[in-house]
Amino acid sequence: MDCIGAAGLLDLDVAAFGDHHTVRADLVQTAVAAAMAKYGHAFEGKDVVLIGDTPLDVEAALAAGATPIGIANGSYSVAELAAAGVTIVLPDLCDSEAVLVGILGL
C-alpha cells in the first residue's frame, strides 16, 4: 500500500540511514550531528527518535538513549520488535497521527 503518511512530517535531511555507517549505533550520532548543524540545537537522549524496522535499530536507539519506534513492515513482527525493547510499534508510517503520538509521547 502506498501512502504519504508521516513522510511529509519528517526532516530527512537530518536522518541517518544504513549507507551512512556500518554500525547502527553510530547512525544516531550522525543524525544528531546533522540536526545540530541544521538547527543549531544540541539534541540528546529522548529528544532523539530512531524509527527502525529491525531489532538492531531498537538496540541502537536504546544504546544511544534515544526513543525507539518500531515499524513492523519488514522482516520483523510487532512481537519481535517489542522483545527487542521497543514500546511503540506501528505497522507502517501511513498513520501520521500515530507517528506523531509516538514521537511526541502524546
N, C-alpha and C. Protein backbone atom coordinates (compact mmCIF):
# COMPACT_ATOMS: atom_id res chain seq x y z
N MET A 1 0.85 -1.17 0.00
CA MET A 1 0.00 0.00 0.00
C MET A 1 0.90 1.24 0.00
N ASP A 2 0.61 2.16 -0.90
CA ASP A 2 1.33 3.42 -0.92
C ASP A 2 0.61 4.41 -0.03
N CYS A 3 1.38 5.22 0.64
CA CYS A 3 0.79 6.26 1.46
C CYS A 3 1.78 7.40 1.61
N ILE A 4 1.27 8.58 1.82
CA ILE A 4 2.14 9.71 2.11
C ILE A 4 2.42 9.72 3.59
N GLY A 5 1.39 9.55 4.40
CA GLY A 5 1.54 9.43 5.83
C GLY A 5 2.49 10.42 6.45
N ALA A 6 3.39 9.93 7.28
CA ALA A 6 4.29 10.78 8.06
C ALA A 6 5.49 11.26 7.27
N ALA A 7 5.68 10.81 6.07
CA ALA A 7 6.87 11.18 5.31
C ALA A 7 7.02 12.70 5.20
N GLY A 8 5.92 13.40 5.04
CA GLY A 8 5.98 14.85 4.93
C GLY A 8 6.27 15.54 6.25
N LEU A 9 6.18 14.82 7.35
CA LEU A 9 6.42 15.39 8.67
C LEU A 9 7.86 15.21 9.13
N LEU A 10 8.60 14.33 8.47
CA LEU A 10 9.95 14.00 8.90
C LEU A 10 10.97 14.83 8.13
N ASP A 11 11.99 15.32 8.81
CA ASP A 11 13.07 16.05 8.17
C ASP A 11 14.16 15.04 7.82
N LEU A 12 14.12 14.54 6.61
CA LEU A 12 15.06 13.51 6.21
C LEU A 12 16.46 14.06 5.95
N ASP A 13 16.60 15.39 5.95
CA ASP A 13 17.94 15.99 5.83
C ASP A 13 18.79 15.71 7.06
N VAL A 14 18.16 15.44 8.19
CA VAL A 14 18.90 15.18 9.42
C VAL A 14 18.76 13.71 9.85
N ALA A 15 18.35 12.90 8.93
CA ALA A 15 18.21 11.47 9.21
C ALA A 15 19.51 10.76 8.86
N ALA A 16 19.67 9.57 9.38
CA ALA A 16 20.83 8.74 9.05
C ALA A 16 20.33 7.36 8.68
N PHE A 17 20.93 6.80 7.66
CA PHE A 17 20.49 5.51 7.14
C PHE A 17 21.67 4.55 7.09
N GLY A 18 21.38 3.29 6.85
CA GLY A 18 22.39 2.25 6.85
C GLY A 18 23.57 2.50 5.95
N ASP A 19 23.38 3.26 4.89
CA ASP A 19 24.51 3.53 4.00
C ASP A 19 25.42 4.65 4.52
N HIS A 20 25.03 5.29 5.63
CA HIS A 20 25.86 6.34 6.23
C HIS A 20 26.93 5.76 7.15
N HIS A 21 26.67 4.59 7.71
CA HIS A 21 27.62 3.99 8.64
C HIS A 21 27.30 2.51 8.78
N THR A 22 28.31 1.69 8.98
CA THR A 22 28.07 0.26 9.12
C THR A 22 27.61 -0.14 10.52
N VAL A 23 27.92 0.69 11.51
CA VAL A 23 27.50 0.42 12.89
C VAL A 23 26.23 1.23 13.17
N ARG A 24 25.13 0.55 13.39
CA ARG A 24 23.85 1.25 13.55
C ARG A 24 23.84 2.24 14.70
N ALA A 25 24.49 1.90 15.81
CA ALA A 25 24.51 2.82 16.94
C ALA A 25 25.19 4.14 16.56
N ASP A 26 26.14 4.10 15.64
CA ASP A 26 26.81 5.32 15.19
C ASP A 26 25.91 6.18 14.33
N LEU A 27 24.86 5.60 13.77
CA LEU A 27 23.91 6.37 12.97
C LEU A 27 23.20 7.43 13.81
N VAL A 28 22.99 7.12 15.08
CA VAL A 28 22.33 8.09 15.96
C VAL A 28 23.18 9.35 16.04
N GLN A 29 24.47 9.19 16.25
CA GLN A 29 25.35 10.35 16.35
C GLN A 29 25.46 11.10 15.02
N THR A 30 25.40 10.38 13.91
CA THR A 30 25.41 11.01 12.59
C THR A 30 24.19 11.91 12.44
N ALA A 31 23.03 11.42 12.82
CA ALA A 31 21.80 12.21 12.72
C ALA A 31 21.81 13.38 13.69
N VAL A 32 22.31 13.16 14.89
CA VAL A 32 22.39 14.23 15.90
C VAL A 32 23.30 15.35 15.40
N ALA A 33 24.43 14.98 14.81
CA ALA A 33 25.35 15.99 14.28
C ALA A 33 24.71 16.78 13.13
N ALA A 34 23.97 16.09 12.27
CA ALA A 34 23.29 16.77 11.16
C ALA A 34 22.21 17.72 11.68
N ALA A 35 21.49 17.29 12.71
CA ALA A 35 20.45 18.15 13.29
C ALA A 35 21.06 19.37 13.97
N MET A 36 22.18 19.18 14.64
CA MET A 36 22.88 20.30 15.28
C MET A 36 23.33 21.31 14.23
N ALA A 37 23.89 20.80 13.13
CA ALA A 37 24.36 21.68 12.07
C ALA A 37 23.21 22.46 11.43
N LYS A 38 22.09 21.82 11.27
CA LYS A 38 20.95 22.47 10.60
C LYS A 38 20.18 23.40 11.53
N TYR A 39 19.96 22.97 12.77
CA TYR A 39 19.09 23.72 13.67
C TYR A 39 19.81 24.48 14.78
N GLY A 40 21.11 24.24 14.96
CA GLY A 40 21.86 24.96 15.98
C GLY A 40 21.45 24.61 17.40
N HIS A 41 20.91 23.43 17.57
CA HIS A 41 20.46 22.97 18.88
C HIS A 41 21.04 21.59 19.14
N ALA A 42 21.52 21.36 20.34
CA ALA A 42 22.06 20.05 20.69
C ALA A 42 20.91 19.12 21.07
N PHE A 43 20.72 18.08 20.30
CA PHE A 43 19.69 17.08 20.58
C PHE A 43 20.35 15.90 21.27
N GLU A 44 19.70 15.41 22.31
CA GLU A 44 20.25 14.26 23.03
C GLU A 44 19.14 13.50 23.74
N GLY A 45 19.45 12.30 24.14
CA GLY A 45 18.52 11.48 24.89
C GLY A 45 17.18 11.33 24.21
N LYS A 46 16.13 11.57 24.95
CA LYS A 46 14.77 11.35 24.44
C LYS A 46 14.35 12.39 23.40
N ASP A 47 15.18 13.43 23.18
CA ASP A 47 14.93 14.37 22.07
C ASP A 47 15.18 13.71 20.72
N VAL A 48 15.89 12.59 20.75
CA VAL A 48 16.26 11.88 19.53
C VAL A 48 15.34 10.67 19.37
N VAL A 49 14.76 10.53 18.19
CA VAL A 49 13.87 9.40 17.91
C VAL A 49 14.48 8.59 16.77
N LEU A 50 14.59 7.31 16.98
CA LEU A 50 15.07 6.42 15.93
C LEU A 50 13.90 5.56 15.49
N ILE A 51 13.55 5.67 14.22
CA ILE A 51 12.48 4.87 13.64
C ILE A 51 13.15 3.76 12.84
N GLY A 52 12.87 2.52 13.22
CA GLY A 52 13.52 1.41 12.53
C GLY A 52 12.65 0.18 12.46
N ASP A 53 13.07 -0.74 11.61
CA ASP A 53 12.25 -1.93 11.40
C ASP A 53 12.97 -3.23 11.77
N THR A 54 14.08 -3.12 12.52
CA THR A 54 14.78 -4.32 12.96
C THR A 54 15.14 -4.22 14.44
N PRO A 55 15.36 -5.35 15.09
CA PRO A 55 15.82 -5.32 16.47
C PRO A 55 17.16 -4.58 16.62
N LEU A 56 18.01 -4.60 15.60
CA LEU A 56 19.27 -3.85 15.66
C LEU A 56 19.02 -2.35 15.72
N ASP A 57 17.98 -1.88 15.05
CA ASP A 57 17.62 -0.46 15.12
C ASP A 57 17.19 -0.10 16.54
N VAL A 58 16.38 -0.96 17.13
CA VAL A 58 15.92 -0.74 18.50
C VAL A 58 17.11 -0.73 19.46
N GLU A 59 18.00 -1.69 19.29
CA GLU A 59 19.19 -1.78 20.13
C GLU A 59 20.05 -0.51 20.00
N ALA A 60 20.20 0.00 18.79
CA ALA A 60 20.99 1.21 18.57
C ALA A 60 20.37 2.40 19.27
N ALA A 61 19.06 2.53 19.18
CA ALA A 61 18.36 3.64 19.84
C ALA A 61 18.55 3.56 21.35
N LEU A 62 18.33 2.40 21.90
CA LEU A 62 18.43 2.23 23.35
C LEU A 62 19.87 2.48 23.83
N ALA A 63 20.85 2.03 23.07
CA ALA A 63 22.25 2.25 23.44
C ALA A 63 22.61 3.73 23.46
N ALA A 64 21.96 4.50 22.59
CA ALA A 64 22.23 5.94 22.50
C ALA A 64 21.33 6.76 23.42
N GLY A 65 20.41 6.10 24.12
CA GLY A 65 19.48 6.81 24.98
C GLY A 65 18.37 7.49 24.22
N ALA A 66 18.20 7.11 22.95
CA ALA A 66 17.17 7.70 22.09
C ALA A 66 15.86 6.94 22.26
N THR A 67 14.79 7.51 21.76
CA THR A 67 13.47 6.88 21.79
C THR A 67 13.32 6.02 20.53
N PRO A 68 13.16 4.70 20.70
CA PRO A 68 12.95 3.86 19.51
C PRO A 68 11.48 3.75 19.17
N ILE A 69 11.19 3.80 17.88
CA ILE A 69 9.86 3.50 17.37
C ILE A 69 10.05 2.39 16.35
N GLY A 70 9.37 1.27 16.57
CA GLY A 70 9.48 0.15 15.66
C GLY A 70 8.43 0.22 14.57
N ILE A 71 8.82 -0.14 13.38
CA ILE A 71 7.90 -0.21 12.24
C ILE A 71 7.91 -1.65 11.76
N ALA A 72 6.81 -2.33 11.96
CA ALA A 72 6.72 -3.76 11.66
C ALA A 72 6.24 -3.99 10.23
N ASN A 73 6.90 -3.36 9.27
CA ASN A 73 6.51 -3.57 7.88
C ASN A 73 7.59 -4.30 7.10
N GLY A 74 8.58 -4.80 7.81
CA GLY A 74 9.68 -5.51 7.17
C GLY A 74 9.67 -6.97 7.55
N SER A 75 10.84 -7.47 7.86
CA SER A 75 11.00 -8.88 8.18
C SER A 75 10.65 -9.22 9.62
N TYR A 76 10.50 -8.19 10.47
CA TYR A 76 10.28 -8.44 11.90
C TYR A 76 8.86 -8.05 12.31
N SER A 77 8.30 -8.86 13.18
CA SER A 77 6.93 -8.66 13.64
C SER A 77 6.88 -7.68 14.80
N VAL A 78 5.67 -7.29 15.15
CA VAL A 78 5.45 -6.44 16.32
C VAL A 78 6.04 -7.12 17.55
N ALA A 79 5.80 -8.40 17.72
CA ALA A 79 6.29 -9.14 18.89
C ALA A 79 7.82 -9.16 18.93
N GLU A 80 8.46 -9.34 17.79
CA GLU A 80 9.92 -9.38 17.76
C GLU A 80 10.53 -8.02 18.09
N LEU A 81 9.91 -6.96 17.58
CA LEU A 81 10.41 -5.62 17.89
C LEU A 81 10.17 -5.28 19.36
N ALA A 82 9.02 -5.69 19.88
CA ALA A 82 8.73 -5.45 21.30
C ALA A 82 9.72 -6.22 22.18
N ALA A 83 10.05 -7.43 21.78
CA ALA A 83 11.01 -8.23 22.54
C ALA A 83 12.40 -7.59 22.54
N ALA A 84 12.69 -6.80 21.52
CA ALA A 84 13.98 -6.11 21.44
C ALA A 84 14.02 -4.90 22.38
N GLY A 85 12.85 -4.48 22.87
CA GLY A 85 12.82 -3.40 23.85
C GLY A 85 12.07 -2.16 23.43
N VAL A 86 11.47 -2.17 22.27
CA VAL A 86 10.70 -1.01 21.83
C VAL A 86 9.32 -1.05 22.48
N THR A 87 8.81 0.11 22.87
CA THR A 87 7.47 0.15 23.46
C THR A 87 6.43 0.67 22.48
N ILE A 88 6.88 1.30 21.41
CA ILE A 88 5.98 1.83 20.39
C ILE A 88 6.28 1.09 19.09
N VAL A 89 5.30 0.35 18.59
CA VAL A 89 5.46 -0.36 17.33
C VAL A 89 4.25 -0.03 16.47
N LEU A 90 4.52 0.39 15.25
CA LEU A 90 3.48 0.72 14.29
C LEU A 90 3.60 -0.21 13.09
N PRO A 91 2.50 -0.45 12.38
CA PRO A 91 2.58 -1.33 11.21
C PRO A 91 3.31 -0.67 10.04
N ASP A 92 3.28 0.66 9.98
CA ASP A 92 3.94 1.40 8.91
C ASP A 92 3.92 2.88 9.30
N LEU A 93 4.31 3.75 8.39
CA LEU A 93 4.31 5.19 8.68
C LEU A 93 3.12 5.91 8.05
N CYS A 94 2.11 5.17 7.63
CA CYS A 94 0.96 5.77 6.95
C CYS A 94 0.07 6.60 7.87
N ASP A 95 -0.03 6.22 9.12
CA ASP A 95 -0.90 6.91 10.07
C ASP A 95 -0.11 8.05 10.74
N SER A 96 -0.18 9.24 10.15
CA SER A 96 0.60 10.38 10.65
C SER A 96 0.33 10.67 12.11
N GLU A 97 -0.92 10.55 12.52
CA GLU A 97 -1.27 10.83 13.92
C GLU A 97 -0.57 9.85 14.86
N ALA A 98 -0.57 8.58 14.51
CA ALA A 98 0.09 7.57 15.35
C ALA A 98 1.59 7.81 15.42
N VAL A 99 2.18 8.23 14.32
CA VAL A 99 3.62 8.52 14.30
C VAL A 99 3.91 9.71 15.23
N LEU A 100 3.10 10.75 15.13
CA LEU A 100 3.30 11.92 15.99
C LEU A 100 3.11 11.58 17.47
N VAL A 101 2.12 10.76 17.77
CA VAL A 101 1.92 10.33 19.15
C VAL A 101 3.16 9.60 19.63
N GLY A 102 3.71 8.74 18.81
CA GLY A 102 4.92 8.01 19.18
C GLY A 102 6.10 8.93 19.40
N ILE A 103 6.27 9.90 18.53
CA ILE A 103 7.41 10.81 18.63
C ILE A 103 7.25 11.78 19.80
N LEU A 104 6.08 12.35 19.91
CA LEU A 104 5.87 13.39 20.94
C LEU A 104 5.41 12.84 22.28
N GLY A 105 5.05 11.56 22.31
CA GLY A 105 4.60 10.96 23.54
C GLY A 105 3.27 11.50 24.04
N LEU A 106 2.42 11.88 23.12
CA LEU A 106 1.11 12.44 23.50
C LEU A 106 0.18 11.34 23.98
